[in-house]
PDB file of all heavy atoms in Angstrom:
ATOM      1  N   HIS A   1       0.822  -1.207   0.000  1.00  0.00           N
ATOM      2  CA  HIS A   1       0.000   0.000   0.000  1.00  0.00           C
ATOM      3  C   HIS A   1       0.857   1.258   0.000  1.00  0.00           C
ATOM      4  O   HIS A   1       0.629   2.173   0.770  1.00  0.00           O
ATOM      5  CB  HIS A   1      -0.919   0.022   1.233  1.00  0.00           C
ATOM      6  CG  HIS A   1      -1.864  -1.133   1.289  1.00  0.00           C
ATOM      7  ND1 HIS A   1      -2.886  -1.284   0.394  1.00  0.00           N
ATOM      8  CD2 HIS A   1      -1.931  -2.190   2.122  1.00  0.00           C
ATOM      9  CE1 HIS A   1      -3.553  -2.387   0.688  1.00  0.00           C
ATOM     10  NE2 HIS A   1      -2.990  -2.954   1.723  1.00  0.00           N
ATOM     11  N   GLY A   2       1.837   1.336  -0.847  1.00  0.00           N
ATOM     12  CA  GLY A   2       2.725   2.491  -0.889  1.00  0.00           C
ATOM     13  C   GLY A   2       2.036   3.778  -1.292  1.00  0.00           C
ATOM     14  O   GLY A   2       2.505   4.860  -0.988  1.00  0.00           O
ATOM     15  N   GLU A   3       0.874   3.686  -1.950  1.00  0.00           N
ATOM     16  CA  GLU A   3       0.200   4.876  -2.433  1.00  0.00           C
ATOM     17  C   GLU A   3      -0.797   5.454  -1.427  1.00  0.00           C
ATOM     18  O   GLU A   3      -1.274   6.562  -1.612  1.00  0.00           O
ATOM     19  CB  GLU A   3      -0.516   4.572  -3.756  1.00  0.00           C
ATOM     20  CG  GLU A   3      -1.734   3.687  -3.641  1.00  0.00           C
ATOM     21  CD  GLU A   3      -1.444   2.204  -3.439  1.00  0.00           C
ATOM     22  OE1 GLU A   3      -0.284   1.784  -3.632  1.00  0.00           O
ATOM     23  OE2 GLU A   3      -2.365   1.452  -3.085  1.00  0.00           O
ATOM     24  N   LYS A   4      -1.123   4.733  -0.371  1.00  0.00           N
ATOM     25  CA  LYS A   4      -2.060   5.253   0.631  1.00  0.00           C
ATOM     26  C   LYS A   4      -1.486   6.488   1.286  1.00  0.00           C
ATOM     27  O   LYS A   4      -0.305   6.543   1.612  1.00  0.00           O
ATOM     28  CB  LYS A   4      -2.337   4.209   1.711  1.00  0.00           C
ATOM     29  CG  LYS A   4      -3.392   3.239   1.332  1.00  0.00           C
ATOM     30  CD  LYS A   4      -3.827   2.448   2.525  1.00  0.00           C
ATOM     31  CE  LYS A   4      -4.931   1.521   2.116  1.00  0.00           C
ATOM     32  NZ  LYS A   4      -5.569   0.886   3.218  1.00  0.00           N
ATOM     33  N   MET A   5      -2.341   7.475   1.522  1.00  0.00           N
ATOM     34  CA  MET A   5      -1.926   8.708   2.188  1.00  0.00           C
ATOM     35  C   MET A   5      -2.455   8.694   3.616  1.00  0.00           C
ATOM     36  O   MET A   5      -3.661   8.509   3.828  1.00  0.00           O
ATOM     37  CB  MET A   5      -2.444   9.925   1.424  1.00  0.00           C
ATOM     38  CG  MET A   5      -1.913  10.024  -0.002  1.00  0.00           C
ATOM     39  SD  MET A   5      -0.120  10.093  -0.103  1.00  0.00           S
ATOM     40  CE  MET A   5       0.149  11.792   0.318  1.00  0.00           C
ATOM     41  N   LEU A   6      -1.540   8.877   4.570  1.00  0.00           N
ATOM     42  CA  LEU A   6      -1.875   8.777   5.986  1.00  0.00           C
ATOM     43  C   LEU A   6      -1.392  10.000   6.740  1.00  0.00           C
ATOM     44  O   LEU A   6      -0.328  10.534   6.445  1.00  0.00           O
ATOM     45  CB  LEU A   6      -1.194   7.533   6.585  1.00  0.00           C
ATOM     46  CG  LEU A   6      -1.444   6.231   5.844  1.00  0.00           C
ATOM     47  CD1 LEU A   6      -0.261   5.310   5.981  1.00  0.00           C
ATOM     48  CD2 LEU A   6      -2.673   5.577   6.403  1.00  0.00           C
ATOM     49  N   SER A   7      -2.155  10.405   7.756  1.00  0.00           N
ATOM     50  CA  SER A   7      -1.699  11.474   8.639  1.00  0.00           C
ATOM     51  C   SER A   7      -0.472  10.959   9.377  1.00  0.00           C
ATOM     52  O   SER A   7      -0.537   9.944  10.062  1.00  0.00           O
ATOM     53  CB  SER A   7      -2.786  11.836   9.650  1.00  0.00           C
ATOM     54  OG  SER A   7      -3.905  12.355   8.997  1.00  0.00           O
ATOM     55  N   THR A   8       0.645  11.643   9.201  1.00  0.00           N
ATOM     56  CA  THR A   8       1.920  11.149   9.704  1.00  0.00           C
ATOM     57  C   THR A   8       2.590  12.191  10.585  1.00  0.00           C
ATOM     58  O   THR A   8       2.872  13.292  10.124  1.00  0.00           O
ATOM     59  CB  THR A   8       2.847  10.795   8.529  1.00  0.00           C
ATOM     60  OG1 THR A   8       2.155   9.891   7.656  1.00  0.00           O
ATOM     61  CG2 THR A   8       4.125  10.131   8.999  1.00  0.00           C
ATOM     62  N   PRO A   9       2.852  11.847  11.858  1.00  0.00           N
ATOM     63  CA  PRO A   9       3.579  12.779  12.732  1.00  0.00           C
ATOM     64  C   PRO A   9       4.958  13.098  12.149  1.00  0.00           C
ATOM     65  O   PRO A   9       5.505  12.328  11.360  1.00  0.00           O
ATOM     66  CB  PRO A   9       3.708  12.010  14.042  1.00  0.00           C
ATOM     67  CG  PRO A   9       2.576  11.048  14.022  1.00  0.00           C
ATOM     68  CD  PRO A   9       2.418  10.660  12.574  1.00  0.00           C
ATOM     69  N   PRO A  10       5.534  14.234  12.521  1.00  0.00           N
ATOM     70  CA  PRO A  10       6.829  14.634  11.961  1.00  0.00           C
ATOM     71  C   PRO A  10       7.950  13.682  12.367  1.00  0.00           C
ATOM     72  O   PRO A  10       7.818  12.905  13.317  1.00  0.00           O
ATOM     73  CB  PRO A  10       7.059  16.026  12.543  1.00  0.00           C
ATOM     74  CG  PRO A  10       6.203  16.096  13.746  1.00  0.00           C
ATOM     75  CD  PRO A  10       5.036  15.206  13.495  1.00  0.00           C
ATOM     76  N   LEU A  11       9.040  13.769  11.645  1.00  0.00           N
ATOM     77  CA  LEU A  11      10.192  12.914  11.913  1.00  0.00           C
ATOM     78  C   LEU A  11      10.798  13.199  13.274  1.00  0.00           C
ATOM     79  O   LEU A  11      11.178  12.287  14.001  1.00  0.00           O
ATOM     80  CB  LEU A  11      11.241  13.102  10.807  1.00  0.00           C
ATOM     81  CG  LEU A  11      12.415  12.137  10.800  1.00  0.00           C
ATOM     82  CD1 LEU A  11      11.928  10.700  10.692  1.00  0.00           C
ATOM     83  CD2 LEU A  11      13.329  12.452   9.631  1.00  0.00           C
ATOM     84  N   SER A  12      10.887  14.459  13.641  1.00  0.00           N
ATOM     85  CA  SER A  12      11.465  14.819  14.938  1.00  0.00           C
ATOM     86  C   SER A  12      10.342  15.155  15.916  1.00  0.00           C
ATOM     87  O   SER A  12       9.906  16.295  16.022  1.00  0.00           O
ATOM     88  CB  SER A  12      12.409  16.009  14.781  1.00  0.00           C
ATOM     89  OG  SER A  12      11.707  17.098  14.235  1.00  0.00           O
ATOM     90  N   VAL A  13       9.863  14.141  16.618  1.00  0.00           N
ATOM     91  CA  VAL A  13       8.796  14.313  17.589  1.00  0.00           C
ATOM     92  C   VAL A  13       9.426  14.732  18.914  1.00  0.00           C
ATOM     93  O   VAL A  13      10.374  14.103  19.379  1.00  0.00           O
ATOM     94  CB  VAL A  13       8.015  12.989  17.778  1.00  0.00           C
ATOM     95  CG1 VAL A  13       6.988  13.113  18.880  1.00  0.00           C
ATOM     96  CG2 VAL A  13       7.361  12.564  16.483  1.00  0.00           C
ATOM     97  N   GLU A  14       8.893  15.800  19.503  1.00  0.00           N
ATOM     98  CA  GLU A  14       9.385  16.229  20.810  1.00  0.00           C
ATOM     99  C   GLU A  14       9.015  15.171  21.844  1.00  0.00           C
ATOM    100  O   GLU A  14       8.001  14.489  21.705  1.00  0.00           O
ATOM    101  CB  GLU A  14       8.766  17.566  21.195  1.00  0.00           C
ATOM    102  CG  GLU A  14       9.173  18.706  20.296  1.00  0.00           C
ATOM    103  CD  GLU A  14       8.498  20.003  20.701  1.00  0.00           C
ATOM    104  OE1 GLU A  14       8.236  20.190  21.895  1.00  0.00           O
ATOM    105  OE2 GLU A  14       8.246  20.809  19.804  1.00  0.00           O
ATOM    106  N   ASP A  15       9.810  15.072  22.899  1.00  0.00           N
ATOM    107  CA  ASP A  15       9.551  14.070  23.932  1.00  0.00           C
ATOM    108  C   ASP A  15       8.158  14.211  24.537  1.00  0.00           C
ATOM    109  O   ASP A  15       7.496  13.219  24.800  1.00  0.00           O
ATOM    110  CB  ASP A  15      10.605  14.146  25.032  1.00  0.00           C
ATOM    111  CG  ASP A  15      11.944  13.603  24.577  1.00  0.00           C
ATOM    112  OD1 ASP A  15      11.974  12.876  23.562  1.00  0.00           O
ATOM    113  OD2 ASP A  15      12.956  13.911  25.229  1.00  0.00           O
ATOM    114  N   CYS A  16       7.712  15.443  24.736  1.00  0.00           N
ATOM    115  CA  CYS A  16       6.407  15.648  25.367  1.00  0.00           C
ATOM    116  C   CYS A  16       5.253  15.228  24.449  1.00  0.00           C
ATOM    117  O   CYS A  16       4.137  15.035  24.917  1.00  0.00           O
ATOM    118  CB  CYS A  16       6.244  17.090  25.824  1.00  0.00           C
ATOM    119  SG  CYS A  16       6.223  18.280  24.474  1.00  0.00           S
ATOM    120  N   CYS A  17       5.510  15.090  23.147  1.00  0.00           N
ATOM    121  CA  CYS A  17       4.467  14.696  22.195  1.00  0.00           C
ATOM    122  C   CYS A  17       4.604  13.250  21.734  1.00  0.00           C
ATOM    123  O   CYS A  17       3.924  12.828  20.800  1.00  0.00           O
ATOM    124  CB  CYS A  17       4.489  15.629  20.989  1.00  0.00           C
ATOM    125  SG  CYS A  17       4.004  17.306  21.388  1.00  0.00           S
ATOM    126  N   CYS A  18       5.440  12.505  22.383  1.00  0.00           N
ATOM    127  CA  CYS A  18       5.706  11.126  21.991  1.00  0.00           C
ATOM    128  C   CYS A  18       4.443  10.257  22.058  1.00  0.00           C
ATOM    129  O   CYS A  18       4.143   9.527  21.124  1.00  0.00           O
ATOM    130  CB  CYS A  18       6.804  10.575  22.894  1.00  0.00           C
ATOM    131  SG  CYS A  18       7.234   8.898  22.535  1.00  0.00           S
ATOM    132  N   LEU A  19       3.706  10.345  23.155  1.00  0.00           N
ATOM    133  CA  LEU A  19       2.499   9.531  23.285  1.00  0.00           C
ATOM    134  C   LEU A  19       1.436   9.933  22.270  1.00  0.00           C
ATOM    135  O   LEU A  19       0.741   9.084  21.726  1.00  0.00           O
ATOM    136  CB  LEU A  19       1.934   9.639  24.706  1.00  0.00           C
ATOM    137  CG  LEU A  19       2.735   8.931  25.790  1.00  0.00           C
ATOM    138  CD1 LEU A  19       2.126   9.199  27.160  1.00  0.00           C
ATOM    139  CD2 LEU A  19       2.817   7.441  25.532  1.00  0.00           C
ATOM    140  N   SER A  20       1.338  11.210  21.999  1.00  0.00           N
ATOM    141  CA  SER A  20       0.386  11.698  21.009  1.00  0.00           C
ATOM    142  C   SER A  20       0.747  11.163  19.617  1.00  0.00           C
ATOM    143  O   SER A  20      -0.127  10.725  18.858  1.00  0.00           O
ATOM    144  CB  SER A  20       0.387  13.226  21.010  1.00  0.00           C
ATOM    145  OG  SER A  20      -0.446  13.725  20.016  1.00  0.00           O
ATOM    146  N   ALA A  21       2.027  11.192  19.274  1.00  0.00           N
ATOM    147  CA  ALA A  21       2.478  10.664  17.983  1.00  0.00           C
ATOM    148  C   ALA A  21       2.231   9.160  17.898  1.00  0.00           C
ATOM    149  O   ALA A  21       1.754   8.659  16.872  1.00  0.00           O
ATOM    150  CB  ALA A  21       3.960  10.964  17.783  1.00  0.00           C
ATOM    151  N   LEU A  22       2.525   8.449  18.974  1.00  0.00           N
ATOM    152  CA  LEU A  22       2.305   7.000  18.996  1.00  0.00           C
ATOM    153  C   LEU A  22       0.829   6.688  18.801  1.00  0.00           C
ATOM    154  O   LEU A  22       0.468   5.787  18.037  1.00  0.00           O
ATOM    155  CB  LEU A  22       2.817   6.405  20.309  1.00  0.00           C
ATOM    156  CG  LEU A  22       2.664   4.901  20.472  1.00  0.00           C
ATOM    157  CD1 LEU A  22       3.456   4.153  19.404  1.00  0.00           C
ATOM    158  CD2 LEU A  22       3.119   4.477  21.868  1.00  0.00           C
ATOM    159  N   GLN A  23      -0.030   7.449  19.454  1.00  0.00           N
ATOM    160  CA  GLN A  23      -1.463   7.245  19.303  1.00  0.00           C
ATOM    161  C   GLN A  23      -1.906   7.509  17.862  1.00  0.00           C
ATOM    162  O   GLN A  23      -2.745   6.801  17.323  1.00  0.00           O
ATOM    163  CB  GLN A  23      -2.220   8.155  20.270  1.00  0.00           C
ATOM    164  CG  GLN A  23      -3.703   7.927  20.262  1.00  0.00           C
ATOM    165  CD  GLN A  23      -4.419   8.775  21.298  1.00  0.00           C
ATOM    166  OE1 GLN A  23      -3.842   9.657  21.924  1.00  0.00           O
ATOM    167  NE2 GLN A  23      -5.687   8.507  21.485  1.00  0.00           N
ATOM    168  N   CYS A  24      -1.322   8.502  17.224  1.00  0.00           N
ATOM    169  CA  CYS A  24      -1.641   8.805  15.825  1.00  0.00           C
ATOM    170  C   CYS A  24      -1.242   7.633  14.923  1.00  0.00           C
ATOM    171  O   CYS A  24      -2.001   7.235  14.030  1.00  0.00           O
ATOM    172  CB  CYS A  24      -0.938  10.087  15.397  1.00  0.00           C
ATOM    173  SG  CYS A  24      -1.397  10.660  13.750  1.00  0.00           S
ATOM    174  N   PHE A  25      -0.058   7.078  15.149  1.00  0.00           N
ATOM    175  CA  PHE A  25       0.371   5.916  14.373  1.00  0.00           C
ATOM    176  C   PHE A  25      -0.590   4.745  14.589  1.00  0.00           C
ATOM    177  O   PHE A  25      -0.971   4.057  13.646  1.00  0.00           O
ATOM    178  CB  PHE A  25       1.793   5.499  14.751  1.00  0.00           C
ATOM    179  CG  PHE A  25       2.862   6.381  14.162  1.00  0.00           C
ATOM    180  CD1 PHE A  25       3.710   7.108  14.987  1.00  0.00           C
ATOM    181  CD2 PHE A  25       3.037   6.485  12.793  1.00  0.00           C
ATOM    182  CE1 PHE A  25       4.708   7.923  14.456  1.00  0.00           C
ATOM    183  CE2 PHE A  25       4.026   7.294  12.244  1.00  0.00           C
ATOM    184  CZ  PHE A  25       4.862   8.015  13.082  1.00  0.00           C
ATOM    185  N   GLN A  26      -1.006   4.534  15.841  1.00  0.00           N
ATOM    186  CA  GLN A  26      -1.940   3.443  16.152  1.00  0.00           C
ATOM    187  C   GLN A  26      -3.265   3.634  15.415  1.00  0.00           C
ATOM    188  O   GLN A  26      -3.780   2.696  14.805  1.00  0.00           O
ATOM    189  CB  GLN A  26      -2.237   3.399  17.657  1.00  0.00           C
ATOM    190  CG  GLN A  26      -1.122   2.948  18.524  1.00  0.00           C
ATOM    191  CD  GLN A  26      -1.443   3.174  19.998  1.00  0.00           C
ATOM    192  OE1 GLN A  26      -2.474   3.728  20.364  1.00  0.00           O
ATOM    193  NE2 GLN A  26      -0.527   2.766  20.850  1.00  0.00           N
ATOM    194  N   GLU A  27      -3.819   4.836  15.500  1.00  0.00           N
ATOM    195  CA  GLU A  27      -5.107   5.112  14.859  1.00  0.00           C
ATOM    196  C   GLU A  27      -5.046   4.877  13.359  1.00  0.00           C
ATOM    197  O   GLU A  27      -5.945   4.272  12.777  1.00  0.00           O
ATOM    198  CB  GLU A  27      -5.541   6.550  15.141  1.00  0.00           C
ATOM    199  CG  GLU A  27      -5.957   6.803  16.565  1.00  0.00           C
ATOM    200  CD  GLU A  27      -6.179   8.274  16.867  1.00  0.00           C
ATOM    201  OE1 GLU A  27      -6.156   9.104  15.922  1.00  0.00           O
ATOM    202  OE2 GLU A  27      -6.371   8.600  18.050  1.00  0.00           O
ATOM    203  N   ASN A  28      -3.991   5.367  12.714  1.00  0.00           N
ATOM    204  CA  ASN A  28      -3.853   5.187  11.273  1.00  0.00           C
ATOM    205  C   ASN A  28      -3.692   3.720  10.912  1.00  0.00           C
ATOM    206  O   ASN A  28      -4.272   3.254   9.927  1.00  0.00           O
ATOM    207  CB  ASN A  28      -2.653   5.982  10.751  1.00  0.00           C
ATOM    208  CG  ASN A  28      -3.010   7.405  10.441  1.00  0.00           C
ATOM    209  OD1 ASN A  28      -3.781   7.663   9.526  1.00  0.00           O
ATOM    210  ND2 ASN A  28      -2.485   8.321  11.216  1.00  0.00           N
ATOM    211  N   LEU A  29      -2.918   2.998  11.688  1.00  0.00           N
ATOM    212  CA  LEU A  29      -2.731   1.574  11.422  1.00  0.00           C
ATOM    213  C   LEU A  29      -4.058   0.840  11.541  1.00  0.00           C
ATOM    214  O   LEU A  29      -4.389  -0.008  10.714  1.00  0.00           O
ATOM    215  CB  LEU A  29      -1.697   0.997  12.402  1.00  0.00           C
ATOM    216  CG  LEU A  29      -1.210  -0.411  12.136  1.00  0.00           C
ATOM    217  CD1 LEU A  29      -0.438  -0.470  10.824  1.00  0.00           C
ATOM    218  CD2 LEU A  29      -0.327  -0.888  13.272  1.00  0.00           C
ATOM    219  N   HIS A  30      -4.838   1.206  12.548  1.00  0.00           N
ATOM    220  CA  HIS A  30      -6.119   0.547  12.776  1.00  0.00           C
ATOM    221  C   HIS A  30      -7.133   0.868  11.672  1.00  0.00           C
ATOM    222  O   HIS A  30      -7.824  -0.021  11.185  1.00  0.00           O
ATOM    223  CB  HIS A  30      -6.679   0.963  14.140  1.00  0.00           C
ATOM    224  CG  HIS A  30      -7.977   0.313  14.477  1.00  0.00           C
ATOM    225  ND1 HIS A  30      -8.079  -1.019  14.755  1.00  0.00           N
ATOM    226  CD2 HIS A  30      -9.231   0.813  14.551  1.00  0.00           C
ATOM    227  CE1 HIS A  30      -9.337  -1.323  15.004  1.00  0.00           C
ATOM    228  NE2 HIS A  30     -10.059  -0.226  14.884  1.00  0.00           N
ATOM    229  N   VAL A  31      -7.202   2.125  11.269  1.00  0.00           N
ATOM    230  CA  VAL A  31      -8.208   2.560  10.302  1.00  0.00           C
ATOM    231  C   VAL A  31      -7.821   2.203   8.866  1.00  0.00           C
ATOM    232  O   VAL A  31      -8.647   1.733   8.086  1.00  0.00           O
ATOM    233  CB  VAL A  31      -8.456   4.086  10.422  1.00  0.00           C
ATOM    234  CG1 VAL A  31      -9.331   4.598   9.295  1.00  0.00           C
ATOM    235  CG2 VAL A  31      -9.075   4.402  11.772  1.00  0.00           C
ATOM    236  N   GLN A  32      -6.567   2.407   8.506  1.00  0.00           N
ATOM    237  CA  GLN A  32      -6.153   2.286   7.110  1.00  0.00           C
ATOM    238  C   GLN A  32      -5.732   0.876   6.685  1.00  0.00           C
ATOM    239  O   GLN A  32      -5.719   0.578   5.504  1.00  0.00           O
ATOM    240  CB  GLN A  32      -4.998   3.240   6.814  1.00  0.00           C
ATOM    241  CG  GLN A  32      -5.347   4.697   7.035  1.00  0.00           C
ATOM    242  CD  GLN A  32      -6.411   5.187   6.061  1.00  0.00           C
ATOM    243  OE1 GLN A  32      -6.507   4.727   4.936  1.00  0.00           O
ATOM    244  NE2 GLN A  32      -7.211   6.127   6.520  1.00  0.00           N
ATOM    245  N   PHE A  33      -5.345   0.057   7.652  1.00  0.00           N
ATOM    246  CA  PHE A  33      -4.853  -1.275   7.310  1.00  0.00           C
ATOM    247  C   PHE A  33      -5.687  -2.326   8.023  1.00  0.00           C
ATOM    248  O   PHE A  33      -6.306  -2.067   9.042  1.00  0.00           O
ATOM    249  CB  PHE A  33      -3.374  -1.422   7.678  1.00  0.00           C
ATOM    250  CG  PHE A  33      -2.498  -0.451   6.949  1.00  0.00           C
ATOM    251  CD1 PHE A  33      -2.038   0.693   7.580  1.00  0.00           C
ATOM    252  CD2 PHE A  33      -2.151  -0.668   5.625  1.00  0.00           C
ATOM    253  CE1 PHE A  33      -1.237   1.606   6.908  1.00  0.00           C
ATOM    254  CE2 PHE A  33      -1.361   0.238   4.949  1.00  0.00           C
ATOM    255  CZ  PHE A  33      -0.906   1.376   5.590  1.00  0.00           C
ATOM    256  N   ASN A  34      -5.660  -3.522   7.506  1.00  0.00           N
ATOM    257  CA  ASN A  34      -6.448  -4.620   8.046  1.00  0.00           C
ATOM    258  C   ASN A  34      -5.752  -5.198   9.274  1.00  0.00           C
ATOM    259  O   ASN A  34      -4.934  -6.111   9.151  1.00  0.00           O
ATOM    260  CB  ASN A  34      -6.630  -5.691   6.952  1.00  0.00           C
ATOM    261  CG  ASN A  34      -7.521  -6.810   7.405  1.00  0.00           C
ATOM    262  OD1 ASN A  34      -8.152  -6.746   8.446  1.00  0.00           O
ATOM    263  ND2 ASN A  34      -7.573  -7.861   6.601  1.00  0.00           N
ATOM    264  N   VAL A  35      -6.097  -4.682  10.462  1.00  0.00           N
ATOM    265  CA  VAL A  35      -5.418  -5.166  11.664  1.00  0.00           C
ATOM    266  C   VAL A  35      -5.939  -6.517  12.126  1.00  0.00           C
ATOM    267  O   VAL A  35      -5.466  -7.051  13.117  1.00  0.00           O
ATOM    268  CB  VAL A  35      -5.500  -4.140  12.829  1.00  0.00           C
ATOM    269  CG1 VAL A  35      -4.733  -2.905  12.499  1.00  0.00           C
ATOM    270  CG2 VAL A  35      -6.916  -3.845  13.219  1.00  0.00           C
ATOM    271  N   THR A  36      -6.908  -7.080  11.397  1.00  0.00           N
ATOM    272  CA  THR A  36      -7.344  -8.428  11.737  1.00  0.00           C
ATOM    273  C   THR A  36      -6.371  -9.463  11.178  1.00  0.00           C
ATOM    274  O   THR A  36      -6.368 -10.603  11.618  1.00  0.00           O
ATOM    275  CB  THR A  36      -8.759  -8.712  11.197  1.00  0.00           C
ATOM    276  OG1 THR A  36      -8.775  -8.493   9.790  1.00  0.00           O
ATOM    277  CG2 THR A  36      -9.776  -7.807  11.867  1.00  0.00           C
ATOM    278  N   GLU A  37      -5.552  -9.068  10.198  1.00  0.00           N
ATOM    279  CA  GLU A  37      -4.500  -9.960   9.726  1.00  0.00           C
ATOM    280  C   GLU A  37      -3.485 -10.143  10.840  1.00  0.00           C
ATOM    281  O   GLU A  37      -3.249  -9.244  11.636  1.00  0.00           O
ATOM    282  CB  GLU A  37      -3.815  -9.376   8.489  1.00  0.00           C
ATOM    283  CG  GLU A  37      -4.326  -9.963   7.216  1.00  0.00           C
ATOM    284  CD  GLU A  37      -3.546  -9.478   6.016  1.00  0.00           C
ATOM    285  OE1 GLU A  37      -2.310  -9.640   6.002  1.00  0.00           O
ATOM    286  OE2 GLU A  37      -4.190  -8.947   5.119  1.00  0.00           O
ATOM    287  N   ARG A  38      -2.845 -11.273  10.861  1.00  0.00           N
ATOM    288  CA  ARG A  38      -1.980 -11.635  11.975  1.00  0.00           C
ATOM    289  C   ARG A  38      -0.839 -10.642  12.215  1.00  0.00           C
ATOM    290  O   ARG A  38      -0.637 -10.176  13.329  1.00  0.00           O
ATOM    291  CB  ARG A  38      -1.417 -13.035  11.744  1.00  0.00           C
ATOM    292  CG  ARG A  38      -0.670 -13.541  12.926  1.00  0.00           C
ATOM    293  CD  ARG A  38      -0.295 -14.978  12.744  1.00  0.00           C
ATOM    294  NE  ARG A  38       0.333 -15.437  13.968  1.00  0.00           N
ATOM    295  CZ  ARG A  38       1.008 -16.526  14.065  1.00  0.00           C
ATOM    296  NH1 ARG A  38       1.148 -17.295  13.014  1.00  0.00           N
ATOM    297  NH2 ARG A  38       1.552 -16.885  15.197  1.00  0.00           N
ATOM    298  N   THR A  39      -0.078 -10.305  11.174  1.00  0.00           N
ATOM    299  CA  THR A  39       1.087  -9.438  11.374  1.00  0.00           C
ATOM    300  C   THR A  39       0.683  -8.030  11.769  1.00  0.00           C
ATOM    301  O   THR A  39       1.275  -7.444  12.671  1.00  0.00           O
ATOM    302  CB  THR A  39       1.967  -9.391  10.107  1.00  0.00           C
ATOM    303  OG1 THR A  39       1.153  -9.000   8.996  1.00  0.00           O
ATOM    304  CG2 THR A  39       2.631 -10.705   9.831  1.00  0.00           C
ATOM    305  N   GLN A  40      -0.347  -7.480  11.127  1.00  0.00           N
ATOM    306  CA  GLN A  40      -0.796  -6.137  11.470  1.00  0.00           C
ATOM    307  C   GLN A  40      -1.411  -6.105  12.865  1.00  0.00           C
ATOM    308  O   GLN A  40      -1.222  -5.150  13.612  1.00  0.00           O
ATOM    309  CB  GLN A  40      -1.820  -5.606  10.459  1.00  0.00           C
ATOM    310  CG  GLN A  40      -1.238  -5.243   9.137  1.00  0.00           C
ATOM    311  CD  GLN A  40      -1.332  -6.369   8.126  1.00  0.00           C
ATOM    312  OE1 GLN A  40      -1.270  -7.539   8.465  1.00  0.00           O
ATOM    313  NE2 GLN A  40      -1.467  -6.030   6.871  1.00  0.00           N
ATOM    314  N   GLY A  41      -2.140  -7.162  13.217  1.00  0.00           N
ATOM    315  CA  GLY A  41      -2.755  -7.248  14.542  1.00  0.00           C
ATOM    316  C   GLY A  41      -1.720  -7.289  15.652  1.00  0.00           C
ATOM    317  O   GLY A  41      -1.874  -6.643  16.692  1.00  0.00           O
ATOM    318  N   LYS A  42      -0.645  -8.043  15.425  1.00  0.00           N
ATOM    319  CA  LYS A  42       0.436  -8.108  16.419  1.00  0.00           C
ATOM    320  C   LYS A  42       1.089  -6.750  16.614  1.00  0.00           C
ATOM    321  O   LYS A  42       1.334  -6.324  17.742  1.00  0.00           O
ATOM    322  CB  LYS A  42       1.509  -9.113  15.984  1.00  0.00           C
ATOM    323  CG  LYS A  42       1.211 -10.533  16.320  1.00  0.00           C
ATOM    324  CD  LYS A  42       2.394 -11.378  15.868  1.00  0.00           C
ATOM    325  CE  LYS A  42       2.459 -12.663  16.602  1.00  0.00           C
ATOM    326  NZ  LYS A  42       3.628 -13.457  16.211  1.00  0.00           N
TER     327      LYS A  42
END
């Protein structure tokens, strides 16, 4: 899925925004990809 466009936190995430960035990655992974598949689910 190289062509999918996802909301992506910046490369240099400040320490205080680390959890927020991690949550953003989680949300995008859950919504945009099939997390019921074994590798994505793990």
